[in-house]
Amino acid sequence: MVESVSIWAAFFAGLIAFLSPCVLPIIPGYIAYISGISVQSASQSNNRIDWSVVYAAIAFVIGFSLVFTALGAASTFVGQLLQEYKTIISKIAAVLVILLGVHFTGVFQSENVKKWLFVITGLSLLIYGYGVVSTGNILNDLLFLVVISVSLLVFYFSGAYRVLYQQKTTEIKKKPAGIIGAFIVGVAFAFGWTPCIGPILGAILLYASQQETVMQGVMLLFAFSMGLGIPFIITAAAINQFFRFFNFMRRYFLWIEIIGGILLIMVGILILTGSLEKITAFLL
């Protein structure tokens, strides 16, 4: 069974995805689309729960949850096939998680990004050099500092980070037909790639690929889906209150991105050093 700490971490990652600046603002639009009501009428509704809207939201959540959990199963299955190379794959995955975390903080859009990248690279080379002199081993653990800093440089100067700022969605022109239509839109949503949910989902999938069984990968992505989906259902049940919540939360969007990015970076470091399993074992 997947450690409860990992399950809660995946759930929390889904919650961060829901609160992210490129998901939270579009929630009313999605609810209006799958339920057939207008955003204006939803915002002016009374405090009574419209169960037809809730049922549509549940179908929508089931749709994207099935896709995400299937991706989790596939990710773990592929990871098992490459079990012989698990150590090096986990290191590569950790570096990718760190890169995604840095992207999520918005650093790559900063005017001083080049300066900071070169400062980080210089410091990492100095620290690595000290490690080589101290240990006499050029393959010491500090080498990963150089790998990460060089990866950051390549990620930025190659323009690869711009891909994560592009939004890819599946467009459905016809109005969804009830519950089935809402389910189909949920599936389409799962295949959409947005700047915010992409790094978080990618990090969870990379972690799922390191699990021992397919069921563990499924549980991780199911937890992520619930972190994203439960707030969506609650929003559908109380859409009027959501607009007040949104007006409150949007002033903290920047901090949500920064904190979410830092958490991803921390997870990447824990995976890189092998500390995540130790912490999980200690807490359990």
Protein backbone atom coordinates (compact mmCIF):
# COMPACT_ATOMS: atom_id res chain seq x y z
CA MET A 1 0.00 0.00 0.00
CA VAL A 2 1.22 3.50 -0.77
CA GLU A 3 2.50 5.37 2.28
CA SER A 4 -0.14 7.73 3.65
CA VAL A 5 2.38 10.60 3.58
CA SER A 6 2.75 10.23 -0.21
CA ILE A 7 -1.03 10.05 -0.63
CA TRP A 8 -1.56 13.27 1.30
CA ALA A 9 1.29 14.95 -0.60
CA ALA A 10 -0.39 14.02 -3.91
CA PHE A 11 -3.75 15.28 -2.61
CA PHE A 12 -2.15 18.56 -1.52
CA ALA A 13 -0.53 18.87 -4.97
CA GLY A 14 -3.99 18.59 -6.52
CA LEU A 15 -5.27 21.30 -4.19
CA ILE A 16 -2.41 23.61 -5.22
CA ALA A 17 -3.30 22.91 -8.86
CA PHE A 18 -6.90 23.93 -8.16
CA LEU A 19 -5.79 27.17 -6.50
CA SER A 20 -3.27 28.01 -9.22
CA PRO A 21 -3.80 31.23 -11.23
CA CYS A 22 -4.56 29.44 -14.50
CA VAL A 23 -7.11 27.00 -13.05
CA LEU A 24 -9.06 28.85 -10.36
CA PRO A 25 -10.24 31.72 -12.61
CA ILE A 26 -11.70 29.35 -15.22
CA ILE A 27 -13.61 27.16 -12.75
CA PRO A 28 -16.90 29.15 -13.06
CA GLY A 29 -16.66 28.92 -16.84
CA TYR A 30 -16.26 25.15 -16.74
CA ILE A 31 -19.14 24.80 -14.28
CA ALA A 32 -21.35 26.99 -16.47
CA TYR A 33 -20.40 25.01 -19.58
CA ILE A 34 -21.00 21.51 -18.20
CA SER A 35 -24.24 22.50 -16.44
CA GLY A 36 -25.73 24.76 -19.10
CA ILE A 37 -26.14 27.75 -16.79
CA SER A 38 -24.58 31.15 -17.43
CA VAL A 39 -21.77 32.50 -15.28
CA GLN A 40 -23.87 35.58 -14.53
CA SER A 41 -26.84 33.58 -13.30
CA ALA A 42 -24.53 31.35 -11.27
CA SER A 43 -22.98 34.33 -9.54
CA GLN A 44 -26.42 35.72 -8.74
CA SER A 45 -27.88 32.43 -7.50
CA ASN A 46 -29.16 32.03 -3.99
CA ASN A 47 -27.59 29.81 -1.36
CA ARG A 48 -29.66 26.74 -2.32
CA ILE A 49 -27.75 23.85 -3.88
CA ASP A 50 -28.59 23.11 -7.51
CA TRP A 51 -28.10 19.35 -7.59
CA SER A 52 -28.12 19.16 -11.38
CA VAL A 53 -25.01 21.36 -11.36
CA VAL A 54 -23.41 19.18 -8.65
CA TYR A 55 -24.11 15.98 -10.59
CA ALA A 56 -22.57 17.51 -13.72
CA ALA A 57 -19.51 18.53 -11.68
CA ILE A 58 -19.16 14.99 -10.29
CA ALA A 59 -19.30 13.55 -13.82
CA PHE A 60 -16.68 16.10 -14.92
CA VAL A 61 -14.38 15.11 -12.03
CA ILE A 62 -14.83 11.40 -12.78
CA GLY A 63 -13.84 12.11 -16.38
CA PHE A 64 -10.49 13.73 -15.65
CA SER A 65 -9.83 11.41 -12.68
CA LEU A 66 -10.02 8.33 -14.92
CA VAL A 67 -7.49 9.84 -17.31
CA PHE A 68 -5.10 10.91 -14.53
CA THR A 69 -5.24 7.55 -12.73
CA ALA A 70 -4.68 5.75 -16.04
CA LEU A 71 -1.61 7.92 -16.59
CA GLY A 72 -0.44 6.99 -13.09
CA ALA A 73 -0.83 3.28 -13.86
CA ALA A 74 1.02 3.66 -17.17
CA SER A 75 3.80 5.67 -15.53
CA THR A 76 4.36 3.02 -12.85
CA PHE A 77 4.18 0.21 -15.42
CA VAL A 78 6.89 1.83 -17.54
CA GLY A 79 8.93 2.42 -14.38
CA GLN A 80 8.71 -1.29 -13.56
CA LEU A 81 9.92 -2.23 -17.03
CA LEU A 82 12.95 -0.05 -16.44
CA GLN A 83 13.53 -1.37 -12.91
CA GLU A 84 17.15 -2.19 -13.72
CA TYR A 85 17.80 1.51 -14.28
CA LYS A 86 15.62 2.72 -11.40
CA THR A 87 18.43 4.52 -9.57
CA ILE A 88 19.51 6.66 -12.49
CA ILE A 89 15.89 7.23 -13.58
CA SER A 90 14.99 8.47 -10.09
CA LYS A 91 17.92 10.92 -10.25
CA ILE A 92 16.80 12.20 -13.66
CA ALA A 93 13.20 12.44 -12.42
CA ALA A 94 14.37 14.41 -9.37
CA VAL A 95 16.22 16.92 -11.56
CA LEU A 96 13.11 17.31 -13.74
CA VAL A 97 10.92 17.88 -10.66
CA ILE A 98 13.34 20.59 -9.50
CA LEU A 99 13.23 22.23 -12.96
CA LEU A 100 9.42 22.14 -12.91
CA GLY A 101 9.45 23.66 -9.43
CA VAL A 102 11.70 26.50 -10.55
CA HIS A 103 9.40 27.09 -13.52
CA PHE A 104 6.33 27.13 -11.27
CA THR A 105 7.80 29.93 -9.13
CA GLY A 106 7.84 32.16 -12.21
CA VAL A 107 11.60 32.76 -12.01
CA PHE A 108 12.06 32.23 -15.76
CA GLN A 109 9.86 35.25 -16.44
CA SER A 110 11.98 37.50 -14.23
CA GLU A 111 14.05 40.25 -15.84
CA ASN A 112 17.07 39.20 -13.76
CA VAL A 113 16.78 35.49 -14.52
CA LYS A 114 20.04 35.33 -16.52
CA LYS A 115 22.02 36.93 -13.72
CA TRP A 116 20.62 34.55 -11.10
CA LEU A 117 21.19 31.49 -13.28
CA PHE A 118 24.85 32.38 -13.75
CA VAL A 119 25.21 33.11 -10.01
CA ILE A 120 23.70 29.72 -9.16
CA THR A 121 25.96 28.00 -11.67
CA GLY A 122 29.05 29.74 -10.31
CA LEU A 123 28.21 28.85 -6.71
CA SER A 124 27.47 25.24 -7.59
CA LEU A 125 30.83 24.93 -9.39
CA LEU A 126 32.64 26.39 -6.38
CA ILE A 127 30.88 24.04 -3.95
CA TYR A 128 31.51 21.06 -6.23
CA GLY A 129 35.17 22.05 -6.57
CA TYR A 130 35.50 22.17 -2.80
CA GLY A 131 33.93 18.70 -2.66
CA VAL A 132 36.43 17.32 -5.15
CA VAL A 133 39.37 18.77 -3.20
CA SER A 134 37.97 17.46 0.12
CA THR A 135 37.08 13.95 -1.01
CA GLY A 136 39.42 13.44 -3.94
CA ASN A 137 36.45 12.01 -5.82
CA ILE A 138 35.20 13.82 -8.93
CA LEU A 139 31.96 11.79 -8.80
CA ASN A 140 30.98 12.89 -5.31
CA ASP A 141 27.33 13.72 -4.45
CA LEU A 142 27.90 17.45 -4.98
CA LEU A 143 28.16 16.77 -8.71
CA PHE A 144 24.36 16.93 -8.81
CA LEU A 145 24.55 20.63 -7.97
CA VAL A 146 26.39 21.16 -11.23
CA VAL A 147 23.95 18.91 -13.10
CA ILE A 148 20.99 20.90 -11.78
CA SER A 149 22.55 24.29 -12.53
CA VAL A 150 23.53 23.24 -16.05
CA SER A 151 20.02 21.81 -16.56
CA LEU A 152 18.57 25.17 -15.51
CA LEU A 153 20.77 26.96 -18.05
CA VAL A 154 19.79 24.57 -20.84
CA PHE A 155 16.12 24.70 -19.82
CA TYR A 156 16.15 28.48 -20.04
CA PHE A 157 18.45 29.29 -22.96
CA SER A 158 17.02 26.52 -25.16
CA GLY A 159 13.60 28.09 -24.68
CA ALA A 160 12.19 24.75 -23.45
CA TYR A 161 10.53 26.49 -20.50
CA ARG A 162 8.24 28.36 -22.91
CA VAL A 163 6.45 25.11 -23.74
CA LEU A 164 5.06 25.06 -20.20
CA TYR A 165 3.58 28.54 -20.69
CA GLN A 166 1.58 27.37 -23.68
CA GLN A 167 -1.96 26.17 -23.14
CA LYS A 168 -3.17 23.17 -25.11
CA THR A 169 -6.82 22.29 -24.79
CA THR A 170 -9.29 20.06 -26.53
CA GLU A 171 -12.08 22.20 -27.92
CA ILE A 172 -15.65 20.89 -27.82
CA LYS A 173 -17.95 23.04 -29.93
CA LYS A 174 -21.27 21.45 -29.05
CA LYS A 175 -23.00 21.93 -25.72
CA PRO A 176 -22.51 18.84 -23.51
CA ALA A 177 -25.54 16.57 -23.22
CA GLY A 178 -26.12 16.22 -19.50
CA ILE A 179 -24.05 13.92 -17.33
CA ILE A 180 -22.41 12.09 -20.24
CA GLY A 181 -21.42 15.38 -21.84
CA ALA A 182 -19.91 16.62 -18.57
CA PHE A 183 -17.93 13.38 -18.32
CA ILE A 184 -16.57 13.86 -21.86
CA VAL A 185 -15.55 17.45 -21.06
CA GLY A 186 -13.75 16.11 -17.97
CA VAL A 187 -11.78 13.71 -20.15
CA ALA A 188 -10.94 16.58 -22.52
CA PHE A 189 -9.86 18.74 -19.57
CA ALA A 190 -7.43 16.02 -18.44
CA PHE A 191 -5.73 16.08 -21.84
CA GLY A 192 -5.49 19.87 -21.74
CA TRP A 193 -2.03 21.15 -20.76
CA THR A 194 -1.98 24.39 -18.83
CA PRO A 195 1.02 26.31 -17.46
CA CYS A 196 0.10 25.57 -13.85
CA ILE A 197 -1.22 22.03 -13.74
CA GLY A 198 1.48 20.72 -16.08
CA PRO A 199 4.48 20.97 -13.72
CA ILE A 200 2.52 19.61 -10.74
CA LEU A 201 1.00 16.72 -12.68
CA GLY A 202 4.38 15.99 -14.26
CA ALA A 203 6.05 15.82 -10.85
CA ILE A 204 3.41 13.42 -9.51
CA LEU A 205 3.72 11.21 -12.60
CA LEU A 206 7.50 11.12 -12.25
CA TYR A 207 7.13 10.09 -8.61
CA ALA A 208 4.51 7.48 -9.58
CA SER A 209 7.00 5.96 -12.02
CA GLN A 210 9.22 5.10 -9.06
CA GLN A 211 6.55 3.08 -7.22
CA GLU A 212 6.84 -0.67 -6.81
CA THR A 213 3.33 -1.60 -7.97
CA VAL A 214 0.87 -0.24 -10.52
CA MET A 215 -1.74 0.15 -7.77
CA GLN A 216 0.57 2.55 -5.93
CA GLY A 217 0.81 4.74 -9.02
CA VAL A 218 -2.97 4.60 -9.41
CA MET A 219 -3.50 5.64 -5.77
CA LEU A 220 -1.11 8.58 -6.10
CA LEU A 221 -2.86 9.97 -9.18
CA PHE A 222 -6.29 9.25 -7.69
CA ALA A 223 -5.29 11.30 -4.63
CA PHE A 224 -4.08 14.08 -6.91
CA SER A 225 -7.39 13.96 -8.80
CA MET A 226 -9.35 14.22 -5.54
CA GLY A 227 -7.27 17.21 -4.45
CA LEU A 228 -8.24 18.89 -7.72
CA GLY A 229 -11.77 17.47 -7.97
CA ILE A 230 -13.27 17.77 -4.48
CA PRO A 231 -12.88 21.59 -4.38
CA PHE A 232 -14.43 21.67 -7.87
CA ILE A 233 -17.51 19.78 -6.64
CA ILE A 234 -17.74 22.00 -3.56
CA THR A 235 -17.56 25.03 -5.84
CA ALA A 236 -20.41 23.65 -7.97
CA ALA A 237 -22.50 23.20 -4.83
CA ALA A 238 -21.80 26.73 -3.59
CA ILE A 239 -21.01 28.71 -6.73
CA ASN A 240 -22.20 32.01 -5.27
CA GLN A 241 -19.81 31.73 -2.34
CA PHE A 242 -17.01 30.81 -4.77
CA PHE A 243 -17.00 34.30 -6.30
CA ARG A 244 -16.37 35.81 -2.87
CA PHE A 245 -13.64 33.21 -2.24
CA PHE A 246 -12.06 33.94 -5.63
CA ASN A 247 -11.97 37.69 -4.97
CA PHE A 248 -10.16 36.91 -1.72
CA MET A 249 -7.71 34.37 -3.18
CA ARG A 250 -6.60 36.22 -6.31
CA ARG A 251 -4.53 38.65 -4.28
CA TYR A 252 -2.43 35.65 -3.17
CA PHE A 253 -1.90 34.06 -6.60
CA LEU A 254 1.77 35.06 -6.70
CA TRP A 255 2.43 33.51 -3.30
CA ILE A 256 0.59 30.33 -4.29
CA GLU A 257 2.91 29.97 -7.29
CA ILE A 258 6.04 30.68 -5.25
CA ILE A 259 5.11 28.33 -2.38
CA GLY A 260 4.01 25.61 -4.80
CA GLY A 261 7.28 25.93 -6.72
CA ILE A 262 9.37 25.76 -3.56
CA LEU A 263 7.50 22.64 -2.44
CA LEU A 264 8.20 20.99 -5.80
CA ILE A 265 11.88 21.91 -5.52
CA MET A 266 11.99 20.42 -2.01
CA VAL A 267 10.36 17.20 -3.22
CA GLY A 268 12.89 17.01 -6.05
CA ILE A 269 15.78 17.42 -3.61
CA LEU A 270 14.33 14.73 -1.32
CA ILE A 271 13.99 12.31 -4.25
CA LEU A 272 17.51 13.16 -5.45
CA THR A 273 19.07 12.45 -2.05
CA GLY A 274 16.87 9.43 -1.29
CA SER A 275 15.53 11.21 1.78
CA LEU A 276 11.85 11.06 0.82
CA GLU A 277 11.54 7.36 1.63
CA LYS A 278 13.45 7.85 4.89
CA ILE A 279 11.17 10.69 5.99
CA THR A 280 8.09 8.66 5.07
CA ALA A 281 9.34 5.68 7.05
CA PHE A 282 10.13 7.90 10.05
CA LEU A 283 6.71 9.56 10.06
CA LEU A 284 4.96 6.22 9.76
